[in-house]
Amino acid sequence: MAKDHTTMKKTQTNPKVSLLRKQRAPLNTTTDLDAKAVRDVSGAMNAILADVFALHLKTKNFHWHMSGPHFRDYHLLLDEQAGQLFAMTDPIAERIRKIGGTTLRSIGHIARLQRIDDNDAEYVEPEDMLAELREDNRMLAARLREAHGVCDDRHDIATASLIEEWVDEAEQRTWFLFEASRRGDSTGH
């Protein structure tokens, strides 16, 4: 028994073992949400975060590769929209952490969770860029509403409150992209 006690004492003072133990320790964030609520809300919001990162990069991609007679207007519009998307990332991740969840850790993690399709084409027509981003933002608004439902079901009013603002922003981006792509007819096509 004395030998085991000595071995345990050495392990407790070994900084490498102590560091590993801390890295594996569960988060002890104080929240009144139960474990199922934390898991469900964190899962929904991590998927949203992955979508927002994917849409931010796609919007910047199209911003960088815009061309044509409306270059300046579209270039500036997409830069503004990309900034708005990027501004969402930290509040989403921090909200997940506030309730005791863990969040995205890498580009690979984003790729596994994202539901926004990438566009790696060499060239995309400006009108097609706007249409694709319009659809992506419309889908993001719908997914935000789904996440809001998860928050409602789990009584997480703080996350739901943040989502409400982001739905409005996604709808505004969708509207601007729709109006920018209209060709002067009354139908918008």
C-alpha atoms as a PDB file:
ATOM      1  CA  MET A   1       0.000   0.000   0.000  1.00  0.00           C
ATOM      2  CA  ALA A   2       2.878   2.368   0.782  1.00  0.00           C
ATOM      3  CA  LYS A   3       4.281   1.861  -2.701  1.00  0.00           C
ATOM      4  CA  ASP A   4       0.973   2.835  -4.324  1.00  0.00           C
ATOM      5  CA  HIS A   5       0.787   5.937  -2.122  1.00  0.00           C
ATOM      6  CA  THR A   6       4.328   6.940  -3.214  1.00  0.00           C
ATOM      7  CA  THR A   7       3.452   6.402  -6.878  1.00  0.00           C
ATOM      8  CA  MET A   8       0.308   8.499  -6.510  1.00  0.00           C
ATOM      9  CA  LYS A   9       2.264  11.280  -4.806  1.00  0.00           C
ATOM     10  CA  LYS A  10       4.797  11.376  -7.674  1.00  0.00           C
ATOM     11  CA  THR A  11       1.949  11.518 -10.228  1.00  0.00           C
ATOM     12  CA  GLN A  12       0.302  14.400  -8.402  1.00  0.00           C
ATOM     13  CA  THR A  13       3.478  16.480  -8.500  1.00  0.00           C
ATOM     14  CA  ASN A  14       4.366  15.633 -12.103  1.00  0.00           C
ATOM     15  CA  PRO A  15       3.513  18.759 -14.137  1.00  0.00           C
ATOM     16  CA  LYS A  16       2.934  16.811 -17.370  1.00  0.00           C
ATOM     17  CA  VAL A  17       0.382  14.517 -15.744  1.00  0.00           C
ATOM     18  CA  SER A  18      -1.259  17.487 -14.056  1.00  0.00           C
ATOM     19  CA  LEU A  19      -1.535  19.318 -17.397  1.00  0.00           C
ATOM     20  CA  LEU A  20      -3.080  16.278 -19.084  1.00  0.00           C
ATOM     21  CA  ARG A  21      -5.596  15.955 -16.263  1.00  0.00           C
ATOM     22  CA  LYS A  22      -6.577  19.622 -16.647  1.00  0.00           C
ATOM     23  CA  GLN A  23      -6.927  19.269 -20.429  1.00  0.00           C
ATOM     24  CA  ARG A  24      -9.338  16.368 -19.971  1.00  0.00           C
ATOM     25  CA  ALA A  25     -11.332  17.984 -17.173  1.00  0.00           C
ATOM     26  CA  PRO A  26     -14.956  18.838 -17.979  1.00  0.00           C
ATOM     27  CA  LEU A  27     -15.959  22.465 -18.243  1.00  0.00           C
ATOM     28  CA  ASN A  28     -17.353  23.810 -15.032  1.00  0.00           C
ATOM     29  CA  THR A  29     -19.170  26.802 -16.468  1.00  0.00           C
ATOM     30  CA  THR A  30     -22.004  27.755 -14.194  1.00  0.00           C
ATOM     31  CA  THR A  31     -25.396  27.695 -15.887  1.00  0.00           C
ATOM     32  CA  ASP A  32     -28.908  26.819 -14.835  1.00  0.00           C
ATOM     33  CA  LEU A  33     -29.453  24.990 -18.141  1.00  0.00           C
ATOM     34  CA  ASP A  34     -29.404  21.218 -17.763  1.00  0.00           C
ATOM     35  CA  ALA A  35     -26.839  19.058 -19.563  1.00  0.00           C
ATOM     36  CA  LYS A  36     -29.292  18.131 -22.349  1.00  0.00           C
ATOM     37  CA  ALA A  37     -30.038  21.806 -23.013  1.00  0.00           C
ATOM     38  CA  VAL A  38     -26.328  22.640 -23.124  1.00  0.00           C
ATOM     39  CA  ARG A  39     -25.703  19.755 -25.531  1.00  0.00           C
ATOM     40  CA  ASP A  40     -28.644  20.595 -27.807  1.00  0.00           C
ATOM     41  CA  VAL A  41     -28.103  24.364 -27.915  1.00  0.00           C
ATOM     42  CA  SER A  42     -24.328  23.971 -28.333  1.00  0.00           C
ATOM     43  CA  GLY A  43     -24.859  21.503 -31.177  1.00  0.00           C
ATOM     44  CA  ALA A  44     -27.324  23.772 -32.962  1.00  0.00           C
ATOM     45  CA  MET A  45     -25.147  26.839 -32.511  1.00  0.00           C
ATOM     46  CA  ASN A  46     -21.929  25.104 -33.584  1.00  0.00           C
ATOM     47  CA  ALA A  47     -23.652  24.148 -36.845  1.00  0.00           C
ATOM     48  CA  ILE A  48     -24.735  27.789 -37.228  1.00  0.00           C
ATOM     49  CA  LEU A  49     -21.194  28.940 -36.487  1.00  0.00           C
ATOM     50  CA  ALA A  50     -19.801  26.592 -39.153  1.00  0.00           C
ATOM     51  CA  ASP A  51     -22.363  27.911 -41.654  1.00  0.00           C
ATOM     52  CA  VAL A  52     -21.506  31.513 -40.797  1.00  0.00           C
ATOM     53  CA  PHE A  53     -17.763  30.900 -41.264  1.00  0.00           C
ATOM     54  CA  ALA A  54     -18.439  29.124 -44.597  1.00  0.00           C
ATOM     55  CA  LEU A  55     -20.744  31.910 -45.797  1.00  0.00           C
ATOM     56  CA  HIS A  56     -18.276  34.579 -44.666  1.00  0.00           C
ATOM     57  CA  LEU A  57     -15.483  32.989 -46.695  1.00  0.00           C
ATOM     58  CA  LYS A  58     -17.717  32.467 -49.740  1.00  0.00           C
ATOM     59  CA  THR A  59     -18.843  36.102 -49.552  1.00  0.00           C
ATOM     60  CA  LYS A  60     -15.199  37.254 -49.333  1.00  0.00           C
ATOM     61  CA  ASN A  61     -14.308  34.931 -52.230  1.00  0.00           C
ATOM     62  CA  PHE A  62     -16.975  36.550 -54.404  1.00  0.00           C
ATOM     63  CA  HIS A  63     -15.962  40.014 -53.152  1.00  0.00           C
ATOM     64  CA  TRP A  64     -12.353  39.356 -54.209  1.00  0.00           C
ATOM     65  CA  HIS A  65     -13.330  37.892 -57.586  1.00  0.00           C
ATOM     66  CA  MET A  66     -16.120  40.289 -58.561  1.00  0.00           C
ATOM     67  CA  SER A  67     -15.930  41.786 -62.044  1.00  0.00           C
ATOM     68  CA  GLY A  68     -18.095  43.570 -64.559  1.00  0.00           C
ATOM     69  CA  PRO A  69     -19.879  46.897 -64.965  1.00  0.00           C
ATOM     70  CA  HIS A  70     -21.265  46.887 -61.405  1.00  0.00           C
ATOM     71  CA  PHE A  71     -17.934  45.891 -59.870  1.00  0.00           C
ATOM     72  CA  ARG A  72     -17.656  48.735 -57.359  1.00  0.00           C
ATOM     73  CA  ASP A  73     -21.210  48.446 -56.033  1.00  0.00           C
ATOM     74  CA  TYR A  74     -21.123  44.651 -55.749  1.00  0.00           C
ATOM     75  CA  HIS A  75     -17.566  44.609 -54.376  1.00  0.00           C
ATOM     76  CA  LEU A  76     -18.528  47.039 -51.597  1.00  0.00           C
ATOM     77  CA  LEU A  77     -21.847  45.289 -50.882  1.00  0.00           C
ATOM     78  CA  LEU A  78     -20.156  41.913 -50.465  1.00  0.00           C
ATOM     79  CA  ASP A  79     -17.420  43.364 -48.281  1.00  0.00           C
ATOM     80  CA  GLU A  80     -20.052  44.891 -45.995  1.00  0.00           C
ATOM     81  CA  GLN A  81     -21.965  41.622 -45.845  1.00  0.00           C
ATOM     82  CA  ALA A  82     -18.816  39.595 -45.140  1.00  0.00           C
ATOM     83  CA  GLY A  83     -18.011  41.947 -42.268  1.00  0.00           C
ATOM     84  CA  GLN A  84     -21.484  41.493 -40.831  1.00  0.00           C
ATOM     85  CA  LEU A  85     -21.110  37.709 -41.003  1.00  0.00           C
ATOM     86  CA  PHE A  86     -17.677  37.733 -39.380  1.00  0.00           C
ATOM     87  CA  ALA A  87     -19.026  39.947 -36.588  1.00  0.00           C
ATOM     88  CA  MET A  88     -21.441  37.111 -35.685  1.00  0.00           C
ATOM     89  CA  THR A  89     -18.724  34.518 -35.086  1.00  0.00           C
ATOM     90  CA  ASP A  90     -17.378  35.646 -31.720  1.00  0.00           C
ATOM     91  CA  PRO A  91     -20.788  36.199 -30.079  1.00  0.00           C
ATOM     92  CA  ILE A  92     -21.921  32.744 -31.259  1.00  0.00           C
ATOM     93  CA  ALA A  93     -18.800  30.999 -29.949  1.00  0.00           C
ATOM     94  CA  GLU A  94     -18.827  32.929 -26.691  1.00  0.00           C
ATOM     95  CA  ARG A  95     -22.503  32.140 -26.130  1.00  0.00           C
ATOM     96  CA  ILE A  96     -21.740  28.433 -26.539  1.00  0.00           C
ATOM     97  CA  ARG A  97     -18.936  28.747 -23.981  1.00  0.00           C
ATOM     98  CA  LYS A  98     -21.089  30.774 -21.556  1.00  0.00           C
ATOM     99  CA  ILE A  99     -23.514  27.899 -21.236  1.00  0.00           C
ATOM    100  CA  GLY A 100     -20.720  25.359 -20.777  1.00  0.00           C
ATOM    101  CA  GLY A 101     -20.423  23.964 -24.291  1.00  0.00           C
ATOM    102  CA  THR A 102     -17.348  23.641 -26.445  1.00  0.00           C
ATOM    103  CA  THR A 103     -17.083  25.195 -29.838  1.00  0.00           C
ATOM    104  CA  LEU A 104     -15.295  24.855 -33.159  1.00  0.00           C
ATOM    105  CA  ARG A 105     -11.572  24.233 -33.031  1.00  0.00           C
ATOM    106  CA  SER A 106     -10.389  24.090 -36.648  1.00  0.00           C
ATOM    107  CA  ILE A 107     -11.130  24.531 -40.328  1.00  0.00           C
ATOM    108  CA  GLY A 108     -11.675  20.775 -40.493  1.00  0.00           C
ATOM    109  CA  HIS A 109     -14.286  21.027 -37.742  1.00  0.00           C
ATOM    110  CA  ILE A 110     -16.048  23.769 -39.722  1.00  0.00           C
ATOM    111  CA  ALA A 111     -15.958  21.598 -42.864  1.00  0.00           C
ATOM    112  CA  ARG A 112     -17.548  18.677 -41.004  1.00  0.00           C
ATOM    113  CA  LEU A 113     -20.446  20.796 -39.715  1.00  0.00           C
ATOM    114  CA  GLN A 114     -21.095  23.361 -42.454  1.00  0.00           C
ATOM    115  CA  ARG A 115     -24.242  23.106 -44.529  1.00  0.00           C
ATOM    116  CA  ILE A 116     -23.380  26.022 -46.834  1.00  0.00           C
ATOM    117  CA  ASP A 117     -21.814  24.691 -50.039  1.00  0.00           C
ATOM    118  CA  ASP A 118     -18.382  25.985 -51.017  1.00  0.00           C
ATOM    119  CA  ASN A 119     -17.797  27.453 -54.468  1.00  0.00           C
ATOM    120  CA  ASP A 120     -14.285  26.827 -55.772  1.00  0.00           C
ATOM    121  CA  ALA A 121     -15.026  27.698 -59.414  1.00  0.00           C
ATOM    122  CA  GLU A 122     -12.356  29.616 -61.311  1.00  0.00           C
ATOM    123  CA  TYR A 123     -14.942  32.099 -62.565  1.00  0.00           C
ATOM    124  CA  VAL A 124     -18.508  32.846 -61.524  1.00  0.00           C
ATOM    125  CA  GLU A 125     -20.702  35.397 -63.298  1.00  0.00           C
ATOM    126  CA  PRO A 126     -21.527  38.360 -61.019  1.00  0.00           C
ATOM    127  CA  GLU A 127     -25.266  37.653 -61.263  1.00  0.00           C
ATOM    128  CA  ASP A 128     -24.657  34.022 -60.286  1.00  0.00           C
ATOM    129  CA  MET A 129     -22.578  35.157 -57.296  1.00  0.00           C
ATOM    130  CA  LEU A 130     -25.415  37.334 -56.062  1.00  0.00           C
ATOM    131  CA  ALA A 131     -28.004  34.593 -56.627  1.00  0.00           C
ATOM    132  CA  GLU A 132     -25.923  31.983 -54.808  1.00  0.00           C
ATOM    133  CA  LEU A 133     -25.279  34.258 -51.838  1.00  0.00           C
ATOM    134  CA  ARG A 134     -28.953  35.248 -51.771  1.00  0.00           C
ATOM    135  CA  GLU A 135     -29.950  31.581 -51.457  1.00  0.00           C
ATOM    136  CA  ASP A 136     -27.262  30.895 -48.854  1.00  0.00           C
ATOM    137  CA  ASN A 137     -28.440  33.802 -46.703  1.00  0.00           C
ATOM    138  CA  ARG A 138     -32.051  32.689 -47.080  1.00  0.00           C
ATOM    139  CA  MET A 139     -31.056  29.194 -45.932  1.00  0.00           C
ATOM    140  CA  LEU A 140     -29.058  30.672 -43.033  1.00  0.00           C
ATOM    141  CA  ALA A 141     -32.147  32.584 -41.880  1.00  0.00           C
ATOM    142  CA  ALA A 142     -34.157  29.335 -41.967  1.00  0.00           C
ATOM    143  CA  ARG A 143     -31.482  27.466 -39.999  1.00  0.00           C
ATOM    144  CA  LEU A 144     -31.326  30.285 -37.468  1.00  0.00           C
ATOM    145  CA  ARG A 145     -35.070  29.886 -36.979  1.00  0.00           C
ATOM    146  CA  GLU A 146     -34.557  26.144 -36.406  1.00  0.00           C
ATOM    147  CA  ALA A 147     -31.863  26.896 -33.814  1.00  0.00           C
ATOM    148  CA  HIS A 148     -34.244  29.404 -32.197  1.00  0.00           C
ATOM    149  CA  GLY A 149     -36.740  26.557 -31.827  1.00  0.00           C
ATOM    150  CA  VAL A 150     -34.106  24.447 -30.059  1.00  0.00           C
ATOM    151  CA  CYS A 151     -33.408  27.370 -27.715  1.00  0.00           C
ATOM    152  CA  ASP A 152     -37.124  27.821 -27.039  1.00  0.00           C
ATOM    153  CA  ASP A 153     -37.541  24.114 -26.282  1.00  0.00           C
ATOM    154  CA  ARG A 154     -34.573  24.217 -23.875  1.00  0.00           C
ATOM    155  CA  HIS A 155     -35.589  27.552 -22.255  1.00  0.00           C
ATOM    156  CA  ASP A 156     -32.411  29.357 -23.391  1.00  0.00           C
ATOM    157  CA  ILE A 157     -33.856  32.825 -23.870  1.00  0.00           C
ATOM    158  CA  ALA A 158     -30.457  34.548 -24.088  1.00  0.00           C
ATOM    159  CA  THR A 159     -29.315  32.570 -27.138  1.00  0.00           C
ATOM    160  CA  ALA A 160     -32.782  32.915 -28.690  1.00  0.00           C
ATOM    161  CA  SER A 161     -32.570  36.674 -28.241  1.00  0.00           C
ATOM    162  CA  LEU A 162     -29.257  36.848 -30.108  1.00  0.00           C
ATOM    163  CA  ILE A 163     -30.637  34.669 -32.902  1.00  0.00           C
ATOM    164  CA  GLU A 164     -33.540  37.056 -33.477  1.00  0.00           C
ATOM    165  CA  GLU A 165     -31.153  39.848 -34.476  1.00  0.00           C
ATOM    166  CA  TRP A 166     -29.181  37.521 -36.744  1.00  0.00           C
ATOM    167  CA  VAL A 167     -32.349  36.399 -38.546  1.00  0.00           C
ATOM    168  CA  ASP A 168     -33.117  40.038 -39.309  1.00  0.00           C
ATOM    169  CA  GLU A 169     -29.560  40.595 -40.599  1.00  0.00           C
ATOM    170  CA  ALA A 170     -29.742  37.484 -42.815  1.00  0.00           C
ATOM    171  CA  GLU A 171     -33.072  38.666 -44.227  1.00  0.00           C
ATOM    172  CA  GLN A 172     -31.573  42.086 -44.937  1.00  0.00           C
ATOM    173  CA  ARG A 173     -28.605  40.536 -46.757  1.00  0.00           C
ATOM    174  CA  THR A 174     -31.040  38.380 -48.758  1.00  0.00           C
ATOM    175  CA  TRP A 175     -33.137  41.424 -49.654  1.00  0.00           C
ATOM    176  CA  PHE A 176     -30.118  43.504 -50.718  1.00  0.00           C
ATOM    177  CA  LEU A 177     -28.787  40.663 -52.866  1.00  0.00           C
ATOM    178  CA  PHE A 178     -32.222  40.218 -54.439  1.00  0.00           C
ATOM    179  CA  GLU A 179     -32.575  43.922 -55.241  1.00  0.00           C
ATOM    180  CA  ALA A 180     -28.993  44.194 -56.527  1.00  0.00           C
ATOM    181  CA  SER A 181     -29.614  41.333 -58.967  1.00  0.00           C
ATOM    182  CA  ARG A 182     -32.903  42.633 -60.407  1.00  0.00           C
ATOM    183  CA  ARG A 183     -32.804  43.563 -64.076  1.00  0.00           C
ATOM    184  CA  GLY A 184     -35.455  46.239 -64.001  1.00  0.00           C
ATOM    185  CA  ASP A 185     -38.533  44.079 -64.521  1.00  0.00           C
ATOM    186  CA  SER A 186     -41.285  43.906 -61.934  1.00  0.00           C
ATOM    187  CA  THR A 187     -40.765  40.221 -61.091  1.00  0.00           C
ATOM    188  CA  GLY A 188     -37.124  40.490 -60.047  1.00  0.00           C
ATOM    189  CA  HIS A 189     -35.959  37.815 -62.506  1.00  0.00           C
END
